[in-house]
Amino acid sequence: MLVIRAEDRPENYTEQIRHFNPTHLLYIHATLSGYVPGETHLLTLEEHKTTNLHESPLTTFDH
């Protein structure tokens, strides 16, 4: 398992993540979303593409 605390720039860790070559990627991000504070949601990569959760889309990690 590789854990990275990327703060607000996960795109700075793409090389390290690709080198680790994970089979799965769990991305935890706090955002203003209109949900109840503390509520969690699991988004697919396709769902993430339709929302603006971060300056860098998760597709940055898609290989």
C-alpha atoms as a PDB file:
ATOM      1  CA  MET A   1       0.000   0.000   0.000  1.00  0.00           C
ATOM      2  CA  LEU A   2       1.188   3.484  -0.834  1.00  0.00           C
ATOM      3  CA  VAL A   3      -0.288   6.460   1.016  1.00  0.00           C
ATOM      4  CA  ILE A   4       0.331   9.979  -0.254  1.00  0.00           C
ATOM      5  CA  ARG A   5      -0.901  13.108   1.457  1.00  0.00           C
ATOM      6  CA  ALA A   6      -1.034  15.248  -1.647  1.00  0.00           C
ATOM      7  CA  GLU A   7      -2.777  18.251  -0.097  1.00  0.00           C
ATOM      8  CA  ASP A   8      -4.057  20.427  -2.964  1.00  0.00           C
ATOM      9  CA  ARG A   9      -1.721  19.171  -5.711  1.00  0.00           C
ATOM     10  CA  PRO A  10      -2.164  15.445  -6.360  1.00  0.00           C
ATOM     11  CA  GLU A  11      -0.894  15.973  -9.897  1.00  0.00           C
ATOM     12  CA  ASN A  12       2.587  16.441  -8.401  1.00  0.00           C
ATOM     13  CA  TYR A  13       2.582  12.753  -7.445  1.00  0.00           C
ATOM     14  CA  THR A  14       1.560  11.132 -10.731  1.00  0.00           C
ATOM     15  CA  GLU A  15       5.081   9.847 -11.446  1.00  0.00           C
ATOM     16  CA  GLN A  16       5.354   8.272  -7.991  1.00  0.00           C
ATOM     17  CA  ILE A  17       1.903   6.691  -8.340  1.00  0.00           C
ATOM     18  CA  ARG A  18       2.642   5.339 -11.820  1.00  0.00           C
ATOM     19  CA  HIS A  19       5.952   3.897 -10.594  1.00  0.00           C
ATOM     20  CA  PHE A  20       4.115   2.124  -7.762  1.00  0.00           C
ATOM     21  CA  ASN A  21       1.727   0.741 -10.436  1.00  0.00           C
ATOM     22  CA  PRO A  22      -1.374   0.309  -8.265  1.00  0.00           C
ATOM     23  CA  THR A  23      -4.307  -1.863  -9.271  1.00  0.00           C
ATOM     24  CA  HIS A  24      -6.676   0.525  -7.465  1.00  0.00           C
ATOM     25  CA  LEU A  25      -6.569   4.177  -6.502  1.00  0.00           C
ATOM     26  CA  LEU A  26      -8.528   5.608  -3.584  1.00  0.00           C
ATOM     27  CA  TYR A  27      -8.666   9.383  -3.800  1.00  0.00           C
ATOM     28  CA  ILE A  28     -10.076  11.157  -0.756  1.00  0.00           C
ATOM     29  CA  HIS A  29     -10.954  14.787  -1.263  1.00  0.00           C
ATOM     30  CA  ALA A  30     -12.915  17.321   0.754  1.00  0.00           C
ATOM     31  CA  THR A  31     -14.971  19.689  -1.324  1.00  0.00           C
ATOM     32  CA  LEU A  32     -17.860  22.103  -1.218  1.00  0.00           C
ATOM     33  CA  SER A  33     -20.502  19.913  -2.788  1.00  0.00           C
ATOM     34  CA  GLY A  34     -23.808  20.732  -1.178  1.00  0.00           C
ATOM     35  CA  TYR A  35     -23.768  17.476   0.792  1.00  0.00           C
ATOM     36  CA  VAL A  36     -24.034  17.225   4.564  1.00  0.00           C
ATOM     37  CA  PRO A  37     -20.599  17.731   6.218  1.00  0.00           C
ATOM     38  CA  GLY A  38     -18.978  14.356   6.803  1.00  0.00           C
ATOM     39  CA  GLU A  39     -21.101  12.656   4.149  1.00  0.00           C
ATOM     40  CA  THR A  40     -19.154  10.481   1.743  1.00  0.00           C
ATOM     41  CA  HIS A  41     -19.790   9.578  -1.884  1.00  0.00           C
ATOM     42  CA  LEU A  42     -18.075   7.103  -4.147  1.00  0.00           C
ATOM     43  CA  LEU A  43     -17.708   8.457  -7.670  1.00  0.00           C
ATOM     44  CA  THR A  44     -16.691   6.558 -10.754  1.00  0.00           C
ATOM     45  CA  LEU A  45     -14.090   8.096 -13.017  1.00  0.00           C
ATOM     46  CA  GLU A  46     -16.876   8.975 -15.454  1.00  0.00           C
ATOM     47  CA  GLU A  47     -18.882  10.751 -12.735  1.00  0.00           C
ATOM     48  CA  HIS A  48     -15.814  12.678 -11.663  1.00  0.00           C
ATOM     49  CA  LYS A  49     -15.343  13.934 -15.215  1.00  0.00           C
ATOM     50  CA  THR A  50     -18.720  15.693 -14.980  1.00  0.00           C
ATOM     51  CA  THR A  51     -17.927  17.451 -11.691  1.00  0.00           C
ATOM     52  CA  ASN A  52     -15.279  19.990 -10.829  1.00  0.00           C
ATOM     53  CA  LEU A  53     -13.822  18.556  -7.621  1.00  0.00           C
ATOM     54  CA  HIS A  54     -10.279  19.756  -8.147  1.00  0.00           C
ATOM     55  CA  GLU A  55      -8.133  21.747 -10.505  1.00  0.00           C
ATOM     56  CA  SER A  56      -6.659  18.486 -11.809  1.00  0.00           C
ATOM     57  CA  PRO A  57      -9.160  15.856 -12.906  1.00  0.00           C
ATOM     58  CA  LEU A  58      -8.721  12.267 -11.776  1.00  0.00           C
ATOM     59  CA  THR A  59      -8.096  11.400 -15.401  1.00  0.00           C
ATOM     60  CA  THR A  60      -4.577  12.672 -14.675  1.00  0.00           C
ATOM     61  CA  PHE A  61      -4.073   9.302 -12.980  1.00  0.00           C
ATOM     62  CA  ASP A  62      -5.799   7.238 -15.667  1.00  0.00           C
ATOM     63  CA  HIS A  63      -3.297   5.272 -17.714  1.00  0.00           C
END
